[in-house]
C-alpha atoms as a PDB file:
ATOM      1  CA  UNK A   1     118.885  88.482 108.552  1.00  0.00           C
ATOM      2  CA  UNK A   2     115.993  89.376 106.245  1.00  0.00           C
ATOM      3  CA  UNK A   3     113.387  92.089 106.767  1.00  0.00           C
ATOM      4  CA  UNK A   4     110.750  89.390 106.960  1.00  0.00           C
ATOM      5  CA  UNK A   5     112.547  87.496 109.733  1.00  0.00           C
ATOM      6  CA  UNK A   6     110.253  88.620 112.550  1.00  0.00           C
ATOM      7  CA  UNK A   7     109.866  85.540 114.710  1.00  0.00           C
ATOM      8  CA  UNK A   8     108.805  87.507 117.779  1.00  0.00           C
ATOM      9  CA  UNK A   9     105.712  89.012 116.138  1.00  0.00           C
ATOM     10  CA  UNK A  10     102.717  87.931 118.172  1.00  0.00           C
ATOM     11  CA  UNK A  11      99.933  86.091 116.394  1.00  0.00           C
ATOM     12  CA  UNK A  12      96.941  88.284 115.617  1.00  0.00           C
ATOM     13  CA  UNK A  13      94.927  86.583 118.363  1.00  0.00           C
ATOM     14  CA  UNK A  14      97.511  87.382 121.052  1.00  0.00           C
ATOM     15  CA  UNK A  15      96.343  90.964 121.560  1.00  0.00           C
ATOM     16  CA  UNK A  16      96.051  94.217 119.702  1.00  0.00           C
ATOM     17  CA  UNK A  17      99.772  94.610 118.932  1.00  0.00           C
ATOM     18  CA  UNK A  18      99.639  92.576 115.721  1.00  0.00           C
ATOM     19  CA  UNK A  19      96.181  93.686 114.649  1.00  0.00           C
ATOM     20  CA  UNK A  20      95.468  96.379 112.111  1.00  0.00           C
ATOM     21  CA  UNK A  21      93.037  99.041 113.355  1.00  0.00           C
ATOM     22  CA  UNK A  22      91.994  96.891 116.317  1.00  0.00           C
ATOM     23  CA  UNK A  23      89.944  99.759 117.788  1.00  0.00           C
ATOM     24  CA  UNK A  24      88.082 100.638 114.565  1.00  0.00           C
ATOM     25  CA  UNK A  25      84.290 100.586 114.614  1.00  0.00           C
ATOM     26  CA  UNK A  26      82.165  98.519 112.237  1.00  0.00           C
ATOM     27  CA  UNK A  27      81.311 101.727 110.400  1.00  0.00           C
ATOM     28  CA  UNK A  28      85.003 102.584 109.965  1.00  0.00           C
ATOM     29  CA  UNK A  29      85.741  99.067 108.690  1.00  0.00           C
ATOM     30  CA  UNK A  30      82.864  99.385 106.226  1.00  0.00           C
ATOM     31  CA  UNK A  31      84.305 102.699 105.001  1.00  0.00           C
ATOM     32  CA  UNK A  32      87.784 101.210 104.698  1.00  0.00           C
ATOM     33  CA  UNK A  33      86.606  98.060 102.925  1.00  0.00           C
ATOM     34  CA  UNK A  34      84.542 100.147 100.501  1.00  0.00           C
ATOM     35  CA  UNK A  35      87.908 101.373  99.160  1.00  0.00           C
ATOM     36  CA  UNK A  36      89.289  97.860  98.552  1.00  0.00           C
ATOM     37  CA  UNK A  37      88.723  94.866  96.312  1.00  0.00           C
ATOM     38  CA  UNK A  38      88.034  91.474  97.881  1.00  0.00           C
ATOM     39  CA  UNK A  39      90.365  88.725  96.685  1.00  0.00           C
ATOM     40  CA  UNK A  40      90.046  85.019  97.459  1.00  0.00           C
ATOM     41  CA  UNK A  41      92.926  82.558  97.439  1.00  0.00           C
ATOM     42  CA  UNK A  42      93.162  78.805  97.845  1.00  0.00           C
ATOM     43  CA  UNK A  43      95.900  76.904  99.692  1.00  0.00           C
ATOM     44  CA  UNK A  44      99.175  77.261  97.805  1.00  0.00           C
ATOM     45  CA  UNK A  45      98.055  80.285  95.756  1.00  0.00           C
ATOM     46  CA  UNK A  46     100.622  83.079  95.462  1.00  0.00           C
ATOM     47  CA  UNK A  47      99.347  86.430  96.689  1.00  0.00           C
ATOM     48  CA  UNK A  48     102.557  88.408  96.318  1.00  0.00           C
ATOM     49  CA  UNK A  49     105.559  87.372  94.224  1.00  0.00           C
ATOM     50  CA  UNK A  50     109.127  88.481  94.971  1.00  0.00           C
ATOM     51  CA  UNK A  51     110.312  91.084  92.471  1.00  0.00           C
ATOM     52  CA  UNK A  52     106.815  92.114  91.357  1.00  0.00           C
ATOM     53  CA  UNK A  53     106.216  95.838  90.871  1.00  0.00           C
ATOM     54  CA  UNK A  54     102.807  95.772  92.621  1.00  0.00           C
ATOM     55  CA  UNK A  55     102.326  98.410  95.344  1.00  0.00           C
ATOM     56  CA  UNK A  56      98.982  97.230  96.712  1.00  0.00           C
ATOM     57  CA  UNK A  57      98.377  96.766 100.399  1.00  0.00           C
ATOM     58  CA  UNK A  58      96.604  93.584 101.511  1.00  0.00           C
ATOM     59  CA  UNK A  59      94.467  93.349 104.638  1.00  0.00           C
ATOM     60  CA  UNK A  60      94.149  89.722 105.725  1.00  0.00           C
ATOM     61  CA  UNK A  61      90.459  89.186 106.482  1.00  0.00           C
ATOM     62  CA  UNK A  62      90.435  85.382 106.720  1.00  0.00           C
ATOM     63  CA  UNK A  63      92.989  82.609 106.538  1.00  0.00           C
ATOM     64  CA  UNK A  64      96.636  81.940 107.204  1.00  0.00           C
ATOM     65  CA  UNK A  65      99.495  83.060 104.940  1.00  0.00           C
ATOM     66  CA  UNK A  66     103.197  82.272 104.842  1.00  0.00           C
ATOM     67  CA  UNK A  67     106.052  84.543 103.843  1.00  0.00           C
ATOM     68  CA  UNK A  68     108.805  82.803 101.870  1.00  0.00           C
ATOM     69  CA  UNK A  69     112.111  84.044 100.508  1.00  0.00           C
ATOM     70  CA  UNK A  70     115.167  82.655  98.848  1.00  0.00           C
ATOM     71  CA  UNK A  71     118.327  82.781 100.876  1.00  0.00           C
ATOM     72  CA  UNK A  72     121.610  84.004  99.486  1.00  0.00           C
ATOM     73  CA  UNK A  73     123.283  81.113  97.719  1.00  0.00           C
ATOM     74  CA  UNK A  74     120.431  78.755  98.604  1.00  0.00           C
ATOM     75  CA  UNK A  75     118.059  76.886  96.358  1.00  0.00           C
ATOM     76  CA  UNK A  76     114.347  77.067  96.887  1.00  0.00           C
ATOM     77  CA  UNK A  77     112.390  79.033  99.437  1.00  0.00           C
ATOM     78  CA  UNK A  78     112.524  79.106 103.200  1.00  0.00           C
ATOM     79  CA  UNK A  79     109.615  80.068 105.399  1.00  0.00           C
ATOM     80  CA  UNK A  80     110.215  83.322 107.197  1.00  0.00           C
ATOM     81  CA  UNK A  81     106.909  84.120 108.844  1.00  0.00           C
ATOM     82  CA  UNK A  82     103.271  83.282 109.219  1.00  0.00           C
ATOM     83  CA  UNK A  83     100.591  85.959 108.819  1.00  0.00           C
ATOM     84  CA  UNK A  84      97.108  85.520 110.269  1.00  0.00           C
ATOM     85  CA  UNK A  85      93.765  87.224 109.805  1.00  0.00           C
ATOM     86  CA  UNK A  86      93.748  90.724 111.254  1.00  0.00           C
ATOM     87  CA  UNK A  87      97.209  91.567 109.976  1.00  0.00           C
ATOM     88  CA  UNK A  88      98.532  93.058 106.767  1.00  0.00           C
ATOM     89  CA  UNK A  89     101.034  92.302 104.011  1.00  0.00           C
ATOM     90  CA  UNK A  90     102.601  94.512 101.382  1.00  0.00           C
ATOM     91  CA  UNK A  91     103.115  97.526 103.622  1.00  0.00           C
ATOM     92  CA  UNK A  92     106.750  98.017 102.617  1.00  0.00           C
ATOM     93  CA  UNK A  93     106.034  98.307  98.875  1.00  0.00           C
ATOM     94  CA  UNK A  94     102.921 100.343  99.633  1.00  0.00           C
ATOM     95  CA  UNK A  95     105.082 102.886 101.470  1.00  0.00           C
ATOM     96  CA  UNK A  96     108.219 102.996  99.317  1.00  0.00           C
ATOM     97  CA  UNK A  97     106.948 101.973  95.876  1.00  0.00           C
ATOM     98  CA  UNK A  98     109.686  99.352  95.555  1.00  0.00           C
ATOM     99  CA  UNK A  99     109.282  95.840  94.238  1.00  0.00           C
ATOM    100  CA  UNK A 100     108.077  92.999  96.431  1.00  0.00           C
ATOM    101  CA  UNK A 101     110.768  91.424  98.580  1.00  0.00           C
ATOM    102  CA  UNK A 102     109.226  88.008  99.243  1.00  0.00           C
ATOM    103  CA  UNK A 103     106.727  85.431  98.071  1.00  0.00           C
ATOM    104  CA  UNK A 104     103.540  85.339 100.123  1.00  0.00           C
ATOM    105  CA  UNK A 105     101.126  82.480  99.617  1.00  0.00           C
ATOM    106  CA  UNK A 106      97.985  81.147 101.230  1.00  0.00           C
ATOM    107  CA  UNK A 107      98.353  78.207 103.592  1.00  0.00           C
ATOM    108  CA  UNK A 108      94.597  77.903 104.100  1.00  0.00           C
ATOM    109  CA  UNK A 109      91.716  79.354 102.089  1.00  0.00           C
ATOM    110  CA  UNK A 110      92.153  83.108 102.485  1.00  0.00           C
ATOM    111  CA  UNK A 111      90.185  86.282 101.894  1.00  0.00           C
ATOM    112  CA  UNK A 112      92.113  89.521 101.530  1.00  0.00           C
ATOM    113  CA  UNK A 113      91.106  93.120 100.907  1.00  0.00           C
ATOM    114  CA  UNK A 114      93.456  94.673  98.328  1.00  0.00           C
ATOM    115  CA  UNK A 115      93.981  98.430  98.409  1.00  0.00           C
ATOM    116  CA  UNK A 116      95.879 100.217  95.663  1.00  0.00           C
ATOM    117  CA  UNK A 117      97.473 103.601  96.146  1.00  0.00           C
ATOM    118  CA  UNK A 118      94.667 105.267  94.165  1.00  0.00           C
ATOM    119  CA  UNK A 119      92.094 103.557  96.402  1.00  0.00           C
ATOM    120  CA  UNK A 120      93.990 104.827  99.436  1.00  0.00           C
ATOM    121  CA  UNK A 121      93.894 108.345  97.958  1.00  0.00           C
ATOM    122  CA  UNK A 122      90.119 108.012  97.558  1.00  0.00           C
ATOM    123  CA  UNK A 123      89.857 106.870 101.193  1.00  0.00           C
ATOM    124  CA  UNK A 124      91.988 109.831 102.296  1.00  0.00           C
ATOM    125  CA  UNK A 125      89.628 112.204 100.474  1.00  0.00           C
ATOM    126  CA  UNK A 126      86.476 110.563 101.847  1.00  0.00           C
ATOM    127  CA  UNK A 127      87.711 109.954 105.388  1.00  0.00           C
ATOM    128  CA  UNK A 128      91.010 111.720 106.157  1.00  0.00           C
ATOM    129  CA  UNK A 129      91.039 110.751 109.840  1.00  0.00           C
ATOM    130  CA  UNK A 130      90.583 107.054 109.063  1.00  0.00           C
ATOM    131  CA  UNK A 131      93.286 107.217 106.380  1.00  0.00           C
ATOM    132  CA  UNK A 132      95.669 108.880 108.868  1.00  0.00           C
ATOM    133  CA  UNK A 133      94.920 106.180 111.463  1.00  0.00           C
ATOM    134  CA  UNK A 134      95.509 103.487 108.844  1.00  0.00           C
ATOM    135  CA  UNK A 135      98.908 104.957 107.969  1.00  0.00           C
ATOM    136  CA  UNK A 136      99.903 105.244 111.628  1.00  0.00           C
ATOM    137  CA  UNK A 137      98.840 101.663 112.281  1.00  0.00           C
ATOM    138  CA  UNK A 138     100.773 100.445 109.227  1.00  0.00           C
ATOM    139  CA  UNK A 139     103.790 102.333 110.547  1.00  0.00           C
ATOM    140  CA  UNK A 140     103.360 100.682 113.949  1.00  0.00           C
ATOM    141  CA  UNK A 141     103.233  97.200 112.410  1.00  0.00           C
ATOM    142  CA  UNK A 142     106.238  97.952 110.208  1.00  0.00           C
ATOM    143  CA  UNK A 143     108.146  99.255 113.248  1.00  0.00           C
ATOM    144  CA  UNK A 144     107.286  96.089 115.226  1.00  0.00           C
ATOM    145  CA  UNK A 145     108.625  93.961 112.406  1.00  0.00           C
ATOM    146  CA  UNK A 146     111.802  96.037 112.133  1.00  0.00           C
ATOM    147  CA  UNK A 147     112.360  95.932 115.895  1.00  0.00           C
ATOM    148  CA  UNK A 148     111.946  92.153 115.878  1.00  0.00           C
ATOM    149  CA  UNK A 149     114.586  91.865 113.155  1.00  0.00           C
ATOM    150  CA  UNK A 150     116.859  94.296 114.996  1.00  0.00           C
ATOM    151  CA  UNK A 151     116.459  92.351 118.252  1.00  0.00           C
ATOM    152  CA  UNK A 152     117.322  89.074 116.547  1.00  0.00           C
ATOM    153  CA  UNK A 153     120.265  90.663 114.733  1.00  0.00           C
ATOM    154  CA  UNK A 154     121.616  92.198 117.938  1.00  0.00           C
ATOM    155  CA  UNK A 155     121.346  88.926 119.848  1.00  0.00           C
ATOM    156  CA  UNK A 156     123.176  87.014 117.126  1.00  0.00           C
ATOM    157  CA  UNK A 157     125.826  89.711 116.732  1.00  0.00           C
ATOM    158  CA  UNK A 158     124.759  90.737 113.236  1.00  0.00           C
ATOM    159  CA  UNK A 159     124.176  94.494 112.877  1.00  0.00           C
END
């Protein structure tokens, strides 16, 4: 079972559980987005590549993404998850500084807000409460994804 195997994650439109900063005001979003760079991707474009040393966090503003990984002893990629607008990718590398663990590419035209660690530091200086809320929300999303993997692993007898 892979970290990205989180089939029970609700789509972003299913409620606030899968959304990043669902209760943030327009002013808070403007502050947050002022500390990011807007990136546009077309269908099939790679956003994150497995093994890359990038530590940026990506907020999915528009579009649909897919998470792909190679299986052990398998050729090619298999689709592990779908990520919709309102969610986030790259949180694991953002937190631990490790290399990317999967390929993420756009399924539809997509707009993402990319935040580097230095941009996060600038946000934390300018708006410490918003930065703290962002970190807690990222932790919540990461925990949901880990719990989904754990639940699947427990059901299938893999621990």
